[in-house]
Amino acid sequence: MTIDRPTEYLVCLVRELRRLARDTAWVKFKVNVRRLEEIGEYISALANSAALVGKVFAYMVWGISDRDHAVVGTGFDPNTARFFDC
C-alpha cells in the first residue's frame, strides 16, 4: 500500500477530521510535542485504538489546536528532531 496522497486529498482529510467534536481514540491534534518518546507512545496508542474500533487508519495531525481545532501551525520539524542531545 502506498502512502503517497495528492495534496487535495490531504486537505480534504484534515478538513474532515477538524469537523470532529473532539479528539477520538484514533485522531489526535497536536501543536508542539517535541519529545520523540512521547510521539512514539501516541502513535502506538493511536494504532492500537484504531484497530480496536475497526478503523483502518489513525491520525496525529500537527498544527491544529486540540481545544477548538483551529489551524495554528507548529514549530515541530520531524526532519531535525532527535532522540538524544549527544
PDB file of N, CA and C in Angstrom:
ATOM      1  N   MET A   1       0.847  -1.178   0.000  1.00  0.00           N
ATOM      2  CA  MET A   1       0.000   0.000   0.000  1.00  0.00           C
ATOM      3  C   MET A   1       0.889   1.237   0.000  1.00  0.00           C
ATOM      4  N   THR A   2       0.591   2.168  -0.859  1.00  0.00           N
ATOM      5  CA  THR A   2       1.353   3.408  -0.925  1.00  0.00           C
ATOM      6  C   THR A   2       0.807   4.418   0.088  1.00  0.00           C
ATOM      7  N   ILE A   3       1.684   5.270   0.563  1.00  0.00           N
ATOM      8  CA  ILE A   3       1.232   6.320   1.482  1.00  0.00           C
ATOM      9  C   ILE A   3       1.189   7.670   0.791  1.00  0.00           C
ATOM     10  N   ASP A   4       1.596   7.724  -0.479  1.00  0.00           N
ATOM     11  CA  ASP A   4       1.546   8.974  -1.227  1.00  0.00           C
ATOM     12  C   ASP A   4       0.099   9.333  -1.526  1.00  0.00           C
ATOM     13  N   ARG A   5      -0.258  10.540  -1.190  1.00  0.00           N
ATOM     14  CA  ARG A   5      -1.616  11.020  -1.447  1.00  0.00           C
ATOM     15  C   ARG A   5      -1.521  12.400  -2.091  1.00  0.00           C
ATOM     16  N   PRO A   6      -2.430  12.708  -3.012  1.00  0.00           N
ATOM     17  CA  PRO A   6      -2.449  14.051  -3.602  1.00  0.00           C
ATOM     18  C   PRO A   6      -2.742  15.102  -2.533  1.00  0.00           C
ATOM     19  N   THR A   7      -2.214  16.283  -2.731  1.00  0.00           N
ATOM     20  CA  THR A   7      -2.417  17.381  -1.784  1.00  0.00           C
ATOM     21  C   THR A   7      -3.896  17.640  -1.543  1.00  0.00           C
ATOM     22  N   GLU A   8      -4.690  17.597  -2.583  1.00  0.00           N
ATOM     23  CA  GLU A   8      -6.133  17.862  -2.451  1.00  0.00           C
ATOM     24  C   GLU A   8      -6.791  16.860  -1.501  1.00  0.00           C
ATOM     25  N   TYR A   9      -6.373  15.607  -1.600  1.00  0.00           N
ATOM     26  CA  TYR A   9      -6.911  14.572  -0.711  1.00  0.00           C
ATOM     27  C   TYR A   9      -6.561  14.887   0.741  1.00  0.00           C
ATOM     28  N   LEU A  10      -5.309  15.254   0.978  1.00  0.00           N
ATOM     29  CA  LEU A  10      -4.869  15.541   2.353  1.00  0.00           C
ATOM     30  C   LEU A  10      -5.581  16.758   2.925  1.00  0.00           C
ATOM     31  N   VAL A  11      -5.776  17.786   2.121  1.00  0.00           N
ATOM     32  CA  VAL A  11      -6.502  18.979   2.575  1.00  0.00           C
ATOM     33  C   VAL A  11      -7.925  18.611   2.966  1.00  0.00           C
ATOM     34  N   CYS A  12      -8.591  17.822   2.136  1.00  0.00           N
ATOM     35  CA  CYS A  12      -9.961  17.391   2.443  1.00  0.00           C
ATOM     36  C   CYS A  12      -9.998  16.519   3.698  1.00  0.00           C
ATOM     37  N   LEU A  13      -9.018  15.648   3.857  1.00  0.00           N
ATOM     38  CA  LEU A  13      -8.960  14.789   5.040  1.00  0.00           C
ATOM     39  C   LEU A  13      -8.813  15.613   6.313  1.00  0.00           C
ATOM     40  N   VAL A  14      -7.922  16.591   6.309  1.00  0.00           N
ATOM     41  CA  VAL A  14      -7.740  17.432   7.503  1.00  0.00           C
ATOM     42  C   VAL A  14      -9.011  18.223   7.786  1.00  0.00           C
ATOM     43  N   ARG A  15      -9.651  18.738   6.759  1.00  0.00           N
ATOM     44  CA  ARG A  15     -10.931  19.456   6.967  1.00  0.00           C
ATOM     45  C   ARG A  15     -11.961  18.539   7.614  1.00  0.00           C
ATOM     46  N   GLU A  16     -12.042  17.315   7.125  1.00  0.00           N
ATOM     47  CA  GLU A  16     -12.999  16.362   7.679  1.00  0.00           C
ATOM     48  C   GLU A  16     -12.670  16.034   9.134  1.00  0.00           C
ATOM     49  N   LEU A  17     -11.413  15.815   9.438  1.00  0.00           N
ATOM     50  CA  LEU A  17     -11.015  15.493  10.820  1.00  0.00           C
ATOM     51  C   LEU A  17     -11.281  16.671  11.747  1.00  0.00           C
ATOM     52  N   ARG A  18     -11.064  17.894  11.267  1.00  0.00           N
ATOM     53  CA  ARG A  18     -11.317  19.080  12.090  1.00  0.00           C
ATOM     54  C   ARG A  18     -12.786  19.238  12.438  1.00  0.00           C
ATOM     55  N   ARG A  19     -13.676  18.625  11.670  1.00  0.00           N
ATOM     56  CA  ARG A  19     -15.119  18.704  11.948  1.00  0.00           C
ATOM     57  C   ARG A  19     -15.537  17.830  13.128  1.00  0.00           C
ATOM     58  N   LEU A  20     -14.666  16.930  13.555  1.00  0.00           N
ATOM     59  CA  LEU A  20     -14.984  16.102  14.721  1.00  0.00           C
ATOM     60  C   LEU A  20     -15.182  16.999  15.935  1.00  0.00           C
ATOM     61  N   ALA A  21     -16.070  16.619  16.816  1.00  0.00           N
ATOM     62  CA  ALA A  21     -16.357  17.421  18.007  1.00  0.00           C
ATOM     63  C   ALA A  21     -15.163  17.496  18.949  1.00  0.00           C
ATOM     64  N   ARG A  22     -14.338  16.444  18.941  1.00  0.00           N
ATOM     65  CA  ARG A  22     -13.171  16.387  19.837  1.00  0.00           C
ATOM     66  C   ARG A  22     -12.229  15.292  19.327  1.00  0.00           C
ATOM     67  N   ASP A  23     -11.059  15.207  19.967  1.00  0.00           N
ATOM     68  CA  ASP A  23     -10.161  14.095  19.668  1.00  0.00           C
ATOM     69  C   ASP A  23     -10.911  12.789  19.873  1.00  0.00           C
ATOM     70  N   THR A  24     -10.489  11.764  19.167  1.00  0.00           N
ATOM     71  CA  THR A  24     -11.069  10.439  19.360  1.00  0.00           C
ATOM     72  C   THR A  24      -9.947   9.476  19.705  1.00  0.00           C
ATOM     73  N   ALA A  25     -10.288   8.222  19.861  1.00  0.00           N
ATOM     74  CA  ALA A  25      -9.274   7.202  20.131  1.00  0.00           C
ATOM     75  C   ALA A  25      -8.341   7.036  18.944  1.00  0.00           C
ATOM     76  N   TRP A  26      -8.753   7.468  17.762  1.00  0.00           N
ATOM     77  CA  TRP A  26      -7.956   7.270  16.553  1.00  0.00           C
ATOM     78  C   TRP A  26      -7.537   8.570  15.873  1.00  0.00           C
ATOM     79  N   VAL A  27      -7.860   9.736  16.483  1.00  0.00           N
ATOM     80  CA  VAL A  27      -7.454  11.046  15.954  1.00  0.00           C
ATOM     81  C   VAL A  27      -6.974  11.920  17.102  1.00  0.00           C
ATOM     82  N   LYS A  28      -5.768  12.454  16.979  1.00  0.00           N
ATOM     83  CA  LYS A  28      -5.233  13.400  17.954  1.00  0.00           C
ATOM     84  C   LYS A  28      -4.706  14.621  17.217  1.00  0.00           C
ATOM     85  N   PHE A  29      -4.974  15.790  17.765  1.00  0.00           N
ATOM     86  CA  PHE A  29      -4.465  17.044  17.234  1.00  0.00           C
ATOM     87  C   PHE A  29      -3.362  17.539  18.145  1.00  0.00           C
ATOM     88  N   LYS A  30      -2.228  17.898  17.578  1.00  0.00           N
ATOM     89  CA  LYS A  30      -1.080  18.343  18.363  1.00  0.00           C
ATOM     90  C   LYS A  30      -0.492  19.599  17.746  1.00  0.00           C
ATOM     91  N   VAL A  31       0.136  20.405  18.596  1.00  0.00           N
ATOM     92  CA  VAL A  31       0.784  21.610  18.112  1.00  0.00           C
ATOM     93  C   VAL A  31       2.296  21.464  18.197  1.00  0.00           C
ATOM     94  N   ASN A  32       2.843  21.312  19.392  1.00  0.00           N
ATOM     95  CA  ASN A  32       4.300  21.343  19.532  1.00  0.00           C
ATOM     96  C   ASN A  32       4.892  20.253  20.415  1.00  0.00           C
ATOM     97  N   VAL A  33       4.385  19.049  20.377  1.00  0.00           N
ATOM     98  CA  VAL A  33       5.017  17.956  21.121  1.00  0.00           C
ATOM     99  C   VAL A  33       6.364  17.705  20.482  1.00  0.00           C
ATOM    100  N   ARG A  34       7.433  17.757  21.278  1.00  0.00           N
ATOM    101  CA  ARG A  34       8.771  17.623  20.718  1.00  0.00           C
ATOM    102  C   ARG A  34       9.501  16.376  21.189  1.00  0.00           C
ATOM    103  N   ARG A  35       9.066  15.772  22.281  1.00  0.00           N
ATOM    104  CA  ARG A  35       9.745  14.574  22.783  1.00  0.00           C
ATOM    105  C   ARG A  35       9.401  13.388  21.898  1.00  0.00           C
ATOM    106  N   LEU A  36      10.406  12.852  21.225  1.00  0.00           N
ATOM    107  CA  LEU A  36      10.154  11.751  20.302  1.00  0.00           C
ATOM    108  C   LEU A  36       9.591  10.529  21.009  1.00  0.00           C
ATOM    109  N   GLU A  37       9.986  10.310  22.262  1.00  0.00           N
ATOM    110  CA  GLU A  37       9.431   9.182  23.008  1.00  0.00           C
ATOM    111  C   GLU A  37       7.924   9.340  23.186  1.00  0.00           C
ATOM    112  N   GLU A  38       7.490  10.562  23.465  1.00  0.00           N
ATOM    113  CA  GLU A  38       6.064  10.850  23.636  1.00  0.00           C
ATOM    114  C   GLU A  38       5.318  10.656  22.311  1.00  0.00           C
ATOM    115  N   ILE A  39       5.924  11.085  21.220  1.00  0.00           N
ATOM    116  CA  ILE A  39       5.310  10.913  19.904  1.00  0.00           C
ATOM    117  C   ILE A  39       5.160   9.427  19.599  1.00  0.00           C
ATOM    118  N   GLY A  40       6.185   8.644  19.901  1.00  0.00           N
ATOM    119  CA  GLY A  40       6.117   7.201  19.689  1.00  0.00           C
ATOM    120  C   GLY A  40       5.000   6.558  20.493  1.00  0.00           C
ATOM    121  N   GLU A  41       4.840   7.000  21.734  1.00  0.00           N
ATOM    122  CA  GLU A  41       3.766   6.470  22.575  1.00  0.00           C
ATOM    123  C   GLU A  41       2.392   6.810  21.984  1.00  0.00           C
ATOM    124  N   TYR A  42       2.241   8.064  21.511  1.00  0.00           N
ATOM    125  CA  TYR A  42       0.977   8.469  20.889  1.00  0.00           C
ATOM    126  C   TYR A  42       0.679   7.610  19.663  1.00  0.00           C
ATOM    127  N   ILE A  43       1.686   7.413  18.811  1.00  0.00           N
ATOM    128  CA  ILE A  43       1.476   6.645  17.580  1.00  0.00           C
ATOM    129  C   ILE A  43       1.068   5.218  17.903  1.00  0.00           C
ATOM    130  N   SER A  44       1.725   4.617  18.876  1.00  0.00           N
ATOM    131  CA  SER A  44       1.382   3.251  19.270  1.00  0.00           C
ATOM    132  C   SER A  44      -0.043   3.185  19.802  1.00  0.00           C
ATOM    133  N   ALA A  45      -0.398   4.124  20.672  1.00  0.00           N
ATOM    134  CA  ALA A  45      -1.746   4.138  21.248  1.00  0.00           C
ATOM    135  C   ALA A  45      -2.800   4.378  20.178  1.00  0.00           C
ATOM    136  N   LEU A  46      -2.526   5.291  19.248  1.00  0.00           N
ATOM    137  CA  LEU A  46      -3.479   5.567  18.175  1.00  0.00           C
ATOM    138  C   LEU A  46      -3.694   4.342  17.294  1.00  0.00           C
ATOM    139  N   ALA A  47      -2.610   3.678  16.936  1.00  0.00           N
ATOM    140  CA  ALA A  47      -2.718   2.493  16.081  1.00  0.00           C
ATOM    141  C   ALA A  47      -3.519   1.392  16.775  1.00  0.00           C
ATOM    142  N   ASN A  48      -3.217   1.154  18.038  1.00  0.00           N
ATOM    143  CA  ASN A  48      -3.957   0.130  18.785  1.00  0.00           C
ATOM    144  C   ASN A  48      -5.430   0.491  18.926  1.00  0.00           C
ATOM    145  N   SER A  49      -5.710   1.746  19.240  1.00  0.00           N
ATOM    146  CA  SER A  49      -7.092   2.188  19.403  1.00  0.00           C
ATOM    147  C   SER A  49      -7.866   2.104  18.104  1.00  0.00           C
ATOM    148  N   ALA A  50      -7.239   2.489  16.994  1.00  0.00           N
ATOM    149  CA  ALA A  50      -7.908   2.404  15.691  1.00  0.00           C
ATOM    150  C   ALA A  50      -8.281   0.959  15.381  1.00  0.00           C
ATOM    151  N   ALA A  51      -7.366   0.050  15.652  1.00  0.00           N
ATOM    152  CA  ALA A  51      -7.641  -1.365  15.401  1.00  0.00           C
ATOM    153  C   ALA A  51      -8.807  -1.858  16.260  1.00  0.00           C
ATOM    154  N   LEU A  52      -8.854  -1.425  17.498  1.00  0.00           N
ATOM    155  CA  LEU A  52      -9.918  -1.865  18.405  1.00  0.00           C
ATOM    156  C   LEU A  52     -11.306  -1.390  17.977  1.00  0.00           C
ATOM    157  N   VAL A  53     -11.370  -0.204  17.355  1.00  0.00           N
ATOM    158  CA  VAL A  53     -12.672   0.323  16.935  1.00  0.00           C
ATOM    159  C   VAL A  53     -12.944   0.071  15.452  1.00  0.00           C
ATOM    160  N   GLY A  54     -12.087  -0.710  14.816  1.00  0.00           N
ATOM    161  CA  GLY A  54     -12.321  -1.101  13.426  1.00  0.00           C
ATOM    162  C   GLY A  54     -11.941  -0.079  12.377  1.00  0.00           C
ATOM    163  N   LYS A  55     -11.072   0.846  12.718  1.00  0.00           N
ATOM    164  CA  LYS A  55     -10.604   1.843  11.750  1.00  0.00           C
ATOM    165  C   LYS A  55      -9.342   1.325  11.064  1.00  0.00           C
ATOM    166  N   VAL A  56      -9.212   1.616   9.790  1.00  0.00           N
ATOM    167  CA  VAL A  56      -8.031   1.189   9.042  1.00  0.00           C
ATOM    168  C   VAL A  56      -6.856   2.114   9.332  1.00  0.00           C
ATOM    169  N   PHE A  57      -7.134   3.380   9.592  1.00  0.00           N
ATOM    170  CA  PHE A  57      -6.094   4.368   9.833  1.00  0.00           C
ATOM    171  C   PHE A  57      -6.322   5.093  11.150  1.00  0.00           C
ATOM    172  N   ALA A  58      -5.235   5.624  11.692  1.00  0.00           N
ATOM    173  CA  ALA A  58      -5.281   6.544  12.824  1.00  0.00           C
ATOM    174  C   ALA A  58      -4.533   7.799  12.381  1.00  0.00           C
ATOM    175  N   TYR A  59      -4.835   8.929  13.012  1.00  0.00           N
ATOM    176  CA  TYR A  59      -4.239  10.190  12.570  1.00  0.00           C
ATOM    177  C   TYR A  59      -3.720  10.999  13.750  1.00  0.00           C
ATOM    178  N   MET A  60      -2.514  11.520  13.603  1.00  0.00           N
ATOM    179  CA  MET A  60      -1.965  12.524  14.502  1.00  0.00           C
ATOM    180  C   MET A  60      -1.718  13.737  13.608  1.00  0.00           C
ATOM    181  N   VAL A  61      -2.486  14.787  13.827  1.00  0.00           N
ATOM    182  CA  VAL A  61      -2.458  15.950  12.951  1.00  0.00           C
ATOM    183  C   VAL A  61      -1.734  17.081  13.663  1.00  0.00           C
ATOM    184  N   TRP A  62      -0.632  17.531  13.080  1.00  0.00           N
ATOM    185  CA  TRP A  62       0.180  18.611  13.656  1.00  0.00           C
ATOM    186  C   TRP A  62      -0.335  19.972  13.207  1.00  0.00           C
ATOM    187  N   GLY A  63      -0.251  20.938  14.112  1.00  0.00           N
ATOM    188  CA  GLY A  63      -0.601  22.316  13.789  1.00  0.00           C
ATOM    189  C   GLY A  63      -2.065  22.653  13.957  1.00  0.00           C
ATOM    190  N   ILE A  64      -2.803  21.778  14.637  1.00  0.00           N
ATOM    191  CA  ILE A  64      -4.226  22.004  14.891  1.00  0.00           C
ATOM    192  C   ILE A  64      -4.443  22.065  16.400  1.00  0.00           C
ATOM    193  N   SER A  65      -5.099  23.106  16.862  1.00  0.00           N
ATOM    194  CA  SER A  65      -5.388  23.263  18.284  1.00  0.00           C
ATOM    195  C   SER A  65      -6.332  22.158  18.754  1.00  0.00           C
ATOM    196  N   ASP A  66      -5.961  21.521  19.854  1.00  0.00           N
ATOM    197  CA  ASP A  66      -6.788  20.461  20.435  1.00  0.00           C
ATOM    198  C   ASP A  66      -8.101  21.026  20.972  1.00  0.00           C
ATOM    199  N   ARG A  67      -8.075  22.258  21.426  1.00  0.00           N
ATOM    200  CA  ARG A  67      -9.238  22.866  22.073  1.00  0.00           C
ATOM    201  C   ARG A  67     -10.370  23.166  21.090  1.00  0.00           C
ATOM    202  N   ASP A  68     -10.044  23.837  19.969  1.00  0.00           N
ATOM    203  CA  ASP A  68     -11.111  24.267  19.055  1.00  0.00           C
ATOM    204  C   ASP A  68     -10.872  23.852  17.600  1.00  0.00           C
ATOM    205  N   HIS A  69      -9.833  23.081  17.363  1.00  0.00           N
ATOM    206  CA  HIS A  69      -9.471  22.564  16.038  1.00  0.00           C
ATOM    207  C   HIS A  69      -9.125  23.665  15.042  1.00  0.00           C
ATOM    208  N   ALA A  70      -8.683  24.814  15.570  1.00  0.00           N
ATOM    209  CA  ALA A  70      -8.216  25.894  14.703  1.00  0.00           C
ATOM    210  C   ALA A  70      -6.835  25.541  14.156  1.00  0.00           C
ATOM    211  N   VAL A  71      -6.556  26.000  12.945  1.00  0.00           N
ATOM    212  CA  VAL A  71      -5.232  25.810  12.361  1.00  0.00           C
ATOM    213  C   VAL A  71      -4.313  26.862  12.970  1.00  0.00           C
ATOM    214  N   VAL A  72      -3.305  26.405  13.744  1.00  0.00           N
ATOM    215  CA  VAL A  72      -2.410  27.324  14.432  1.00  0.00           C
ATOM    216  C   VAL A  72      -0.954  27.151  14.019  1.00  0.00           C
ATOM    217  N   GLY A  73      -0.651  26.124  13.260  1.00  0.00           N
ATOM    218  CA  GLY A  73       0.731  25.870  12.853  1.00  0.00           C
ATOM    219  C   GLY A  73       1.501  25.155  13.949  1.00  0.00           C
ATOM    220  N   THR A  74       2.735  24.817  13.644  1.00  0.00           N
ATOM    221  CA  THR A  74       3.571  24.105  14.602  1.00  0.00           C
ATOM    222  C   THR A  74       5.030  24.462  14.400  1.00  0.00           C
ATOM    223  N   GLY A  75       5.790  24.377  15.471  1.00  0.00           N
ATOM    224  CA  GLY A  75       7.228  24.556  15.384  1.00  0.00           C
ATOM    225  C   GLY A  75       7.960  23.228  15.292  1.00  0.00           C
ATOM    226  N   PHE A  76       7.214  22.130  15.331  1.00  0.00           N
ATOM    227  CA  PHE A  76       7.827  20.808  15.282  1.00  0.00           C
ATOM    228  C   PHE A  76       8.316  20.507  13.874  1.00  0.00           C
ATOM    229  N   ASP A  77       9.573  20.073  13.768  1.00  0.00           N
ATOM    230  CA  ASP A  77      10.152  19.693  12.475  1.00  0.00           C
ATOM    231  C   ASP A  77      10.685  18.270  12.593  1.00  0.00           C
ATOM    232  N   PRO A  78       9.974  17.293  12.021  1.00  0.00           N
ATOM    233  CA  PRO A  78      10.408  15.901  12.164  1.00  0.00           C
ATOM    234  C   PRO A  78      11.762  15.628  11.523  1.00  0.00           C
ATOM    235  N   ASN A  79      12.183  16.470  10.595  1.00  0.00           N
ATOM    236  CA  ASN A  79      13.473  16.265   9.934  1.00  0.00           C
ATOM    237  C   ASN A  79      14.657  16.627  10.821  1.00  0.00           C
ATOM    238  N   THR A  80      14.421  17.443  11.851  1.00  0.00           N
ATOM    239  CA  THR A  80      15.524  17.837  12.733  1.00  0.00           C
ATOM    240  C   THR A  80      15.360  17.299  14.153  1.00  0.00           C
ATOM    241  N   ALA A  81      14.246  16.639  14.429  1.00  0.00           N
ATOM    242  CA  ALA A  81      14.009  16.081  15.769  1.00  0.00           C
ATOM    243  C   ALA A  81      15.009  14.960  16.044  1.00  0.00           C
ATOM    244  N   ARG A  82      15.454  14.872  17.304  1.00  0.00           N
ATOM    245  CA  ARG A  82      16.430  13.857  17.692  1.00  0.00           C
ATOM    246  C   ARG A  82      16.005  13.216  19.005  1.00  0.00           C
ATOM    247  N   PHE A  83      16.400  11.974  19.193  1.00  0.00           N
ATOM    248  CA  PHE A  83      16.135  11.275  20.444  1.00  0.00           C
ATOM    249  C   PHE A  83      17.040  11.761  21.559  1.00  0.00           C
ATOM    250  N   PHE A  84      18.283  12.014  21.246  1.00  0.00           N
ATOM    251  CA  PHE A  84      19.272  12.360  22.271  1.00  0.00           C
ATOM    252  C   PHE A  84      20.006  13.617  21.871  1.00  0.00           C
ATOM    253  N   ASP A  85      20.436  14.373  22.852  1.00  0.00           N
ATOM    254  CA  ASP A  85      21.190  15.595  22.599  1.00  0.00           C
ATOM    255  C   ASP A  85      22.680  15.349  22.773  1.00  0.00           C
ATOM    256  N   CYS A  86      23.228  14.298  22.203  1.00  0.00           N
ATOM    257  CA  CYS A  86      24.663  13.998  22.329  1.00  0.00           C
ATOM    258  C   CYS A  86      25.413  14.548  21.152  1.00  0.00           C
TER     259      CYS A  86
END
